[in-house]
Amino acid sequence: LATRYSLLATRYSLLATRYSLLATRYSLLATRYSLLATRYSLNAQTPAPFHNSIKSLNSQ
């Protein structure tokens, strides 16, 4: 019985490790995608003032 329970405990701890690793993986993916989204939103915002400054330089 003791061996059986220790095997069950090992099995459940392995499952718990597996799920915690999956959770870590998904949180890392979420962080990566939020960083990508931030990067794209910053890229989308920067061209307008940049082009405006070029136009003002050309008009002078």
Protein backbone atom coordinates (compact mmCIF):
# COMPACT_ATOMS: atom_id res chain seq x y z
CA LEU A 1 0.00 0.00 0.00
CA ALA A 2 2.76 2.42 0.89
CA THR A 3 4.44 1.82 -2.45
CA ARG A 4 1.16 2.31 -4.25
CA TYR A 5 0.52 5.62 -2.51
CA SER A 6 4.04 6.85 -3.15
CA LEU A 7 3.61 5.99 -6.84
CA LEU A 8 0.32 7.89 -6.89
CA ALA A 9 1.97 10.84 -5.17
CA THR A 10 4.80 10.80 -7.72
CA ARG A 11 2.32 10.63 -10.56
CA TYR A 12 0.31 13.57 -9.26
CA SER A 13 3.42 15.64 -8.60
CA LEU A 14 4.54 14.98 -12.18
CA LEU A 15 1.13 16.05 -13.46
CA ALA A 16 1.28 19.18 -11.31
CA THR A 17 4.74 19.98 -12.66
CA ARG A 18 3.52 19.48 -16.21
CA TYR A 19 0.56 21.80 -15.73
CA SER A 20 2.64 24.44 -13.98
CA LEU A 21 5.10 24.33 -16.89
CA LEU A 22 2.20 24.74 -19.32
CA ALA A 23 0.94 27.70 -17.30
CA THR A 24 4.41 29.24 -17.35
CA ARG A 25 4.64 28.68 -21.09
CA TYR A 26 1.30 30.34 -21.73
CA SER A 27 2.12 33.30 -19.49
CA LEU A 28 5.40 33.74 -21.37
CA LEU A 29 3.52 33.60 -24.68
CA ALA A 30 1.03 36.16 -23.40
CA THR A 31 3.89 38.44 -22.33
CA ARG A 32 5.50 38.04 -25.73
CA TYR A 33 2.31 38.90 -27.58
CA SER A 34 1.60 41.91 -25.37
CA LEU A 35 5.13 43.16 -26.04
CA LEU A 36 4.61 42.65 -29.76
CA ALA A 37 1.31 44.51 -29.58
CA THR A 38 2.97 47.38 -27.73
CA ARG A 39 5.72 47.48 -30.32
CA TYR A 40 3.25 47.60 -33.21
CA SER A 41 1.14 50.28 -31.56
CA LEU A 42 4.28 52.37 -31.00
CA ASN A 43 5.30 51.83 -34.63
CA ALA A 44 1.83 52.86 -35.76
CA GLN A 45 2.00 56.07 -33.73
CA THR A 46 5.52 57.20 -34.65
CA PRO A 47 5.29 57.71 -38.44
CA ALA A 48 2.85 60.65 -38.32
CA PRO A 49 5.02 63.12 -36.34
CA PHE A 50 8.08 61.88 -38.22
CA HIS A 51 6.51 62.60 -41.62
CA ASN A 52 5.21 65.93 -40.37
CA SER A 53 8.70 66.98 -39.32
CA ILE A 54 10.05 65.99 -42.76
CA LYS A 55 7.31 68.02 -44.47
CA SER A 56 8.09 71.05 -42.34
CA LEU A 57 11.79 70.73 -43.20
CA ASN A 58 11.00 70.46 -46.93
CA SER A 59 8.72 73.47 -46.88
CA GLN A 60 11.38 75.77 -45.43
